[in-house]
């Protein structure tokens, strides 16, 4: 009977060692996965910041285009284009021209 008990002690010890090794391997694998996920998360955060900046820039551009559209549809714009490109003036205006030499 004593021989069986000694064998159980050694079996118990080897079982504990195996379980400890398995737990340590799982811990190592999980640590590596956590590091990978952390780096991936940092990449996504940087990408999100970049996209937010682009969104702000496009929003400002959209506002500028709306303002430009309002100006283009105004009477002031029509007068500016008529004066600069077509050379038109009102009847009661006096035009001064430079002498080109």
N, C-alpha and C. Protein backbone atom coordinates (compact mmCIF):
# COMPACT_ATOMS: atom_id res chain seq x y z
N UNK A 1 0.79 -1.19 0.00
CA UNK A 1 0.00 0.00 0.00
C UNK A 1 0.84 1.26 0.00
N UNK A 2 1.97 1.22 0.65
CA UNK A 2 2.81 2.39 0.72
C UNK A 2 3.36 2.77 -0.64
N UNK A 3 3.59 1.77 -1.48
CA UNK A 3 4.10 2.08 -2.82
C UNK A 3 3.07 2.85 -3.64
N UNK A 4 1.85 2.52 -3.48
CA UNK A 4 0.80 3.21 -4.23
C UNK A 4 0.69 4.67 -3.77
N UNK A 5 0.82 4.90 -2.54
CA UNK A 5 0.72 6.26 -2.04
C UNK A 5 1.88 7.11 -2.54
N UNK A 6 3.05 6.53 -2.59
CA UNK A 6 4.19 7.29 -3.12
C UNK A 6 3.97 7.62 -4.59
N UNK A 7 3.45 6.71 -5.34
CA UNK A 7 3.18 6.96 -6.75
C UNK A 7 2.15 8.06 -6.92
N UNK A 8 1.18 8.11 -6.07
CA UNK A 8 0.16 9.16 -6.13
C UNK A 8 0.76 10.53 -5.86
N UNK A 9 1.74 10.59 -4.94
CA UNK A 9 2.39 11.86 -4.65
C UNK A 9 3.13 12.37 -5.88
N UNK A 10 3.82 11.47 -6.57
CA UNK A 10 4.54 11.88 -7.77
C UNK A 10 3.57 12.21 -8.89
N UNK A 11 2.50 11.46 -9.00
CA UNK A 11 1.50 11.76 -10.02
C UNK A 11 0.85 13.11 -9.76
N UNK A 12 0.59 13.37 -8.51
CA UNK A 12 0.00 14.65 -8.12
C UNK A 12 0.94 15.81 -8.47
N UNK A 13 2.20 15.65 -8.19
CA UNK A 13 3.19 16.68 -8.46
C UNK A 13 3.31 16.90 -9.97
N UNK A 14 3.40 15.86 -10.76
CA UNK A 14 3.51 16.02 -12.22
C UNK A 14 2.24 16.61 -12.80
N UNK A 15 1.10 16.28 -12.23
CA UNK A 15 -0.16 16.88 -12.69
C UNK A 15 -0.19 18.37 -12.40
N UNK A 16 0.27 18.75 -11.23
CA UNK A 16 0.32 20.17 -10.88
C UNK A 16 1.26 20.92 -11.79
N UNK A 17 2.38 20.31 -12.11
CA UNK A 17 3.35 20.94 -13.00
C UNK A 17 2.74 21.12 -14.39
N UNK A 18 2.07 20.11 -14.89
CA UNK A 18 1.43 20.20 -16.22
C UNK A 18 0.37 21.29 -16.23
N UNK A 19 -0.45 21.33 -15.22
CA UNK A 19 -1.49 22.36 -15.15
C UNK A 19 -0.85 23.75 -15.07
N UNK A 20 0.20 23.90 -14.29
CA UNK A 20 0.89 25.18 -14.18
C UNK A 20 1.47 25.60 -15.53
N UNK A 21 2.08 24.67 -16.25
CA UNK A 21 2.63 24.99 -17.57
C UNK A 21 1.53 25.40 -18.55
N UNK A 22 0.41 24.70 -18.50
CA UNK A 22 -0.70 25.03 -19.40
C UNK A 22 -1.23 26.43 -19.08
N UNK A 23 -1.38 26.72 -17.81
CA UNK A 23 -1.86 28.05 -17.41
C UNK A 23 -0.87 29.13 -17.82
N UNK A 24 0.42 28.89 -17.66
CA UNK A 24 1.43 29.88 -18.06
C UNK A 24 1.44 30.09 -19.58
N UNK A 25 1.27 29.01 -20.35
CA UNK A 25 1.21 29.15 -21.81
C UNK A 25 -0.03 29.95 -22.21
N UNK A 26 -1.15 29.68 -21.58
CA UNK A 26 -2.37 30.44 -21.88
C UNK A 26 -2.19 31.91 -21.52
N UNK A 27 -1.54 32.17 -20.41
CA UNK A 27 -1.27 33.54 -19.99
C UNK A 27 -0.38 34.26 -21.00
N UNK A 28 0.64 33.56 -21.49
CA UNK A 28 1.54 34.15 -22.48
C UNK A 28 0.79 34.46 -23.78
N UNK A 29 -0.03 33.53 -24.24
CA UNK A 29 -0.79 33.74 -25.48
C UNK A 29 -1.76 34.91 -25.30
N UNK A 30 -2.42 34.96 -24.17
CA UNK A 30 -3.37 36.05 -23.93
C UNK A 30 -2.64 37.40 -23.83
N UNK A 31 -1.46 37.42 -23.26
CA UNK A 31 -0.68 38.67 -23.18
C UNK A 31 -0.32 39.17 -24.56
N UNK A 32 0.10 38.26 -25.43
CA UNK A 32 0.45 38.64 -26.80
C UNK A 32 -0.79 39.19 -27.51
N UNK A 33 -1.92 38.55 -27.34
CA UNK A 33 -3.15 39.01 -27.98
C UNK A 33 -3.57 40.39 -27.45
N UNK A 34 -3.39 40.61 -26.17
CA UNK A 34 -3.74 41.91 -25.59
C UNK A 34 -2.86 43.00 -26.18
N UNK A 35 -1.59 42.73 -26.35
CA UNK A 35 -0.68 43.72 -26.94
C UNK A 35 -1.08 44.01 -28.38
N UNK A 36 -1.42 42.98 -29.15
CA UNK A 36 -1.85 43.18 -30.54
C UNK A 36 -3.11 44.03 -30.59
N UNK A 37 -4.07 43.74 -29.75
CA UNK A 37 -5.31 44.49 -29.73
C UNK A 37 -5.06 45.93 -29.32
N UNK A 38 -4.15 46.16 -28.38
CA UNK A 38 -3.82 47.52 -27.95
C UNK A 38 -3.25 48.33 -29.12
N UNK A 39 -2.33 47.73 -29.87
CA UNK A 39 -1.75 48.44 -31.01
C UNK A 39 -2.80 48.71 -32.08
N UNK A 40 -3.67 47.76 -32.31
CA UNK A 40 -4.73 47.93 -33.29
C UNK A 40 -5.66 49.06 -32.85
N UNK A 41 -5.95 49.11 -31.56
CA UNK A 41 -6.80 50.17 -31.03
C UNK A 41 -6.15 51.54 -31.22
N UNK A 42 -4.84 51.64 -30.98
CA UNK A 42 -4.13 52.91 -31.18
C UNK A 42 -4.19 53.34 -32.64
N UNK A 43 -4.09 52.39 -33.55
CA UNK A 43 -4.19 52.69 -34.98
C UNK A 43 -5.57 53.24 -35.30
N UNK A 44 -6.60 52.62 -34.76
CA UNK A 44 -7.97 53.08 -35.00
C UNK A 44 -8.21 54.47 -34.41
N UNK A 45 -7.64 54.74 -33.26
CA UNK A 45 -7.79 56.06 -32.65
C UNK A 45 -7.15 57.13 -33.54
N UNK A 46 -5.95 56.85 -34.06
CA UNK A 46 -5.28 57.80 -34.95
C UNK A 46 -6.09 58.00 -36.23
N UNK A 47 -6.64 56.93 -36.76
CA UNK A 47 -7.45 57.02 -37.98
C UNK A 47 -8.72 57.83 -37.71
N UNK A 48 -9.31 57.64 -36.56
CA UNK A 48 -10.52 58.39 -36.21
C UNK A 48 -10.22 59.89 -36.12
N UNK A 49 -9.10 60.25 -35.51
CA UNK A 49 -8.71 61.66 -35.42
C UNK A 49 -8.50 62.26 -36.80
N UNK A 50 -7.85 61.51 -37.66
CA UNK A 50 -7.61 61.97 -39.02
C UNK A 50 -8.94 62.19 -39.76
N UNK A 51 -9.85 61.26 -39.62
CA UNK A 51 -11.14 61.38 -40.29
C UNK A 51 -11.96 62.54 -39.72
N UNK A 52 -11.84 62.78 -38.41
CA UNK A 52 -12.55 63.92 -37.82
C UNK A 52 -12.01 65.24 -38.37
N UNK A 53 -10.68 65.33 -38.55
CA UNK A 53 -10.09 66.53 -39.14
C UNK A 53 -10.57 66.73 -40.57
N UNK A 54 -10.63 65.64 -41.33
CA UNK A 54 -11.13 65.73 -42.70
C UNK A 54 -12.59 66.18 -42.72
N UNK A 55 -13.37 65.66 -41.79
CA UNK A 55 -14.78 66.05 -41.71
C UNK A 55 -14.92 67.53 -41.42
N UNK A 56 -14.13 68.04 -40.49
CA UNK A 56 -14.16 69.47 -40.18
C UNK A 56 -13.78 70.31 -41.39
N UNK A 57 -12.74 69.88 -42.10
CA UNK A 57 -12.29 70.61 -43.29
C UNK A 57 -13.38 70.62 -44.36
N UNK A 58 -14.01 69.49 -44.57
CA UNK A 58 -15.07 69.42 -45.58
C UNK A 58 -16.29 70.23 -45.17
N UNK A 59 -16.58 70.27 -43.88
CA UNK A 59 -17.70 71.07 -43.40
C UNK A 59 -17.43 72.55 -43.64
N UNK A 60 -16.20 73.00 -43.35
CA UNK A 60 -15.83 74.39 -43.62
C UNK A 60 -15.89 74.69 -45.11
N UNK A 61 -15.45 73.75 -45.91
CA UNK A 61 -15.48 73.93 -47.37
C UNK A 61 -16.93 74.04 -47.85
N UNK A 62 -17.80 73.23 -47.29
CA UNK A 62 -19.21 73.27 -47.66
C UNK A 62 -19.82 74.62 -47.31
N UNK A 63 -19.49 75.14 -46.14
CA UNK A 63 -19.99 76.45 -45.74
C UNK A 63 -19.47 77.54 -46.68
N UNK A 64 -18.19 77.45 -47.04
CA UNK A 64 -17.62 78.44 -47.97
C UNK A 64 -18.32 78.37 -49.33
N UNK A 65 -18.62 77.17 -49.79
CA UNK A 65 -19.32 77.02 -51.07
C UNK A 65 -20.74 77.58 -51.01
N UNK A 66 -21.40 77.41 -49.87
CA UNK A 66 -22.75 77.98 -49.73
C UNK A 66 -22.69 79.50 -49.77
N UNK A 67 -21.69 80.08 -49.09
CA UNK A 67 -21.52 81.53 -49.12
C UNK A 67 -21.22 82.00 -50.53
N UNK A 68 -20.36 81.27 -51.24
CA UNK A 68 -20.02 81.62 -52.63
C UNK A 68 -21.26 81.52 -53.52
N UNK A 69 -22.08 80.52 -53.29
CA UNK A 69 -23.31 80.35 -54.08
C UNK A 69 -24.25 81.54 -53.85
N UNK A 70 -24.36 81.98 -52.60
CA UNK A 70 -25.21 83.13 -52.30
C UNK A 70 -24.66 84.38 -52.98
N UNK A 71 -23.35 84.54 -52.99
CA UNK A 71 -22.73 85.70 -53.63
C UNK A 71 -22.93 85.65 -55.14
N UNK A 72 -22.79 84.46 -55.72
CA UNK A 72 -22.94 84.33 -57.17
C UNK A 72 -24.38 84.66 -57.58
N UNK A 73 -25.33 84.37 -56.74
CA UNK A 73 -26.73 84.65 -57.07
C UNK A 73 -27.14 86.08 -56.72
N UNK A 74 -26.22 86.88 -56.21
CA UNK A 74 -26.56 88.25 -55.81
C UNK A 74 -26.35 89.22 -56.97
N UNK A 75 -26.91 90.39 -56.80
CA UNK A 75 -26.80 91.45 -57.80
C UNK A 75 -25.36 91.99 -57.86
N UNK A 76 -24.69 92.02 -56.73
CA UNK A 76 -23.31 92.52 -56.69
C UNK A 76 -22.39 91.70 -57.60
N UNK A 77 -22.54 90.42 -57.57
CA UNK A 77 -21.71 89.55 -58.41
C UNK A 77 -21.98 89.80 -59.88
N UNK A 78 -23.25 89.94 -60.22
CA UNK A 78 -23.61 90.18 -61.63
C UNK A 78 -23.00 91.49 -62.10
N UNK A 79 -23.06 92.51 -61.26
CA UNK A 79 -22.47 93.80 -61.62
C UNK A 79 -20.95 93.69 -61.76
N UNK A 80 -20.29 92.99 -60.84
CA UNK A 80 -18.84 92.82 -60.91
C UNK A 80 -18.42 92.12 -62.19
N UNK A 81 -19.12 91.08 -62.56
CA UNK A 81 -18.78 90.35 -63.78
C UNK A 81 -19.05 91.22 -65.00
N UNK A 82 -20.14 91.94 -65.00
CA UNK A 82 -20.47 92.80 -66.14
C UNK A 82 -19.42 93.89 -66.30
N UNK A 83 -18.93 94.43 -65.20
CA UNK A 83 -17.92 95.50 -65.28
C UNK A 83 -16.56 94.94 -65.71
N UNK A 84 -16.13 93.86 -65.08
CA UNK A 84 -14.76 93.38 -65.32
C UNK A 84 -14.64 92.63 -66.65
N UNK A 85 -15.56 91.79 -66.97
CA UNK A 85 -15.40 90.96 -68.17
C UNK A 85 -16.03 91.56 -69.41
N UNK A 86 -17.16 92.22 -69.22
CA UNK A 86 -17.87 92.76 -70.38
C UNK A 86 -17.64 94.26 -70.58
N UNK A 87 -17.14 94.93 -69.56
CA UNK A 87 -16.86 96.37 -69.67
C UNK A 87 -18.13 97.21 -69.65
N UNK A 88 -19.20 96.71 -69.11
CA UNK A 88 -20.45 97.45 -69.06
C UNK A 88 -20.46 98.42 -67.89
N UNK A 89 -21.17 99.54 -68.08
CA UNK A 89 -21.32 100.54 -67.03
C UNK A 89 -22.76 101.05 -67.07
N UNK A 90 -23.16 101.72 -65.99
CA UNK A 90 -24.48 102.36 -65.97
C UNK A 90 -24.44 103.61 -66.85
N UNK A 91 -25.62 104.10 -67.26
CA UNK A 91 -25.70 105.25 -68.16
C UNK A 91 -25.15 106.52 -67.51
N UNK A 92 -25.33 106.67 -66.23
CA UNK A 92 -24.92 107.90 -65.57
C UNK A 92 -23.50 107.83 -64.99
N UNK A 93 -22.73 106.82 -65.33
CA UNK A 93 -21.36 106.68 -64.82
C UNK A 93 -20.36 107.24 -65.81
N UNK A 94 -19.27 107.75 -65.26
CA UNK A 94 -18.18 108.26 -66.09
C UNK A 94 -17.04 107.27 -65.98
N UNK A 95 -16.48 106.87 -67.11
CA UNK A 95 -15.40 105.89 -67.14
C UNK A 95 -14.10 106.61 -67.46
N UNK A 96 -13.10 106.38 -66.65
CA UNK A 96 -11.77 106.92 -66.89
C UNK A 96 -10.87 105.78 -67.36
N UNK A 97 -10.22 106.00 -68.47
CA UNK A 97 -9.33 104.97 -69.01
C UNK A 97 -7.91 105.48 -69.00
N UNK A 98 -6.97 104.58 -68.78
CA UNK A 98 -5.56 104.92 -68.80
C UNK A 98 -5.06 104.93 -70.23
N UNK A 99 -4.15 105.83 -70.50
CA UNK A 99 -3.53 105.83 -71.81
C UNK A 99 -2.45 104.78 -71.85
N UNK A 100 -2.55 103.90 -72.76
CA UNK A 100 -1.51 102.85 -72.90
C UNK A 100 -0.50 103.34 -73.91
N UNK A 101 0.75 103.30 -73.52
CA UNK A 101 1.81 103.78 -74.42
C UNK A 101 2.53 102.65 -75.04
